[in-house]
């Protein structure tokens, strides 16, 4: 006499399954299952696990935005001065932009007190871009081509540097 243990998914009552979440033991179908290194989990357990890493408070968002915007404005303004020395300035910006990104990320990290959240990083990203915007517009008004190139290089190099420093992503181990 064989025992049929297949029942229905907790989220999809018309789908039969025998798969269970390895954390809460809830029945889940293939659409609901998320493959983890230790087995399958339901999306609710994944969301609850991610909440542990979301430590940002409401005031971290304006603080992070303002710190990123201000520091980006200062760095962008200083780097735009390199645009007046033509091609040599473009070469210097490849060294100066990542350094500026490290300084900005440490300043923002102090402002947000090392709190973390995906939406907080997005807010900081927006602050970085909006902080550089006045310098970009000033270079547009005076038709400073090298200044615009430097601002483009600055943004392309600073944003990922700040994001990886704040989020703790390690590209190389």
Foldseek 3Di string as FASTA:
>chain_A
DDDDQWAAAPVGRVHTDDDAAPPPRGHHDPVQWDQDPVGTHGPVVVVVVVVVQQFFDPVLLVQLLVLLLQLLLVLLVVLLVLLVVPPVSLVVLVVSLLVSLVVSLVSSCVSRVLGDDPVSLVSNLVSNVNSNVVQCVVCVVVVSPSSNSSSVVNNVNNSVSSSCVSVVDDPDD
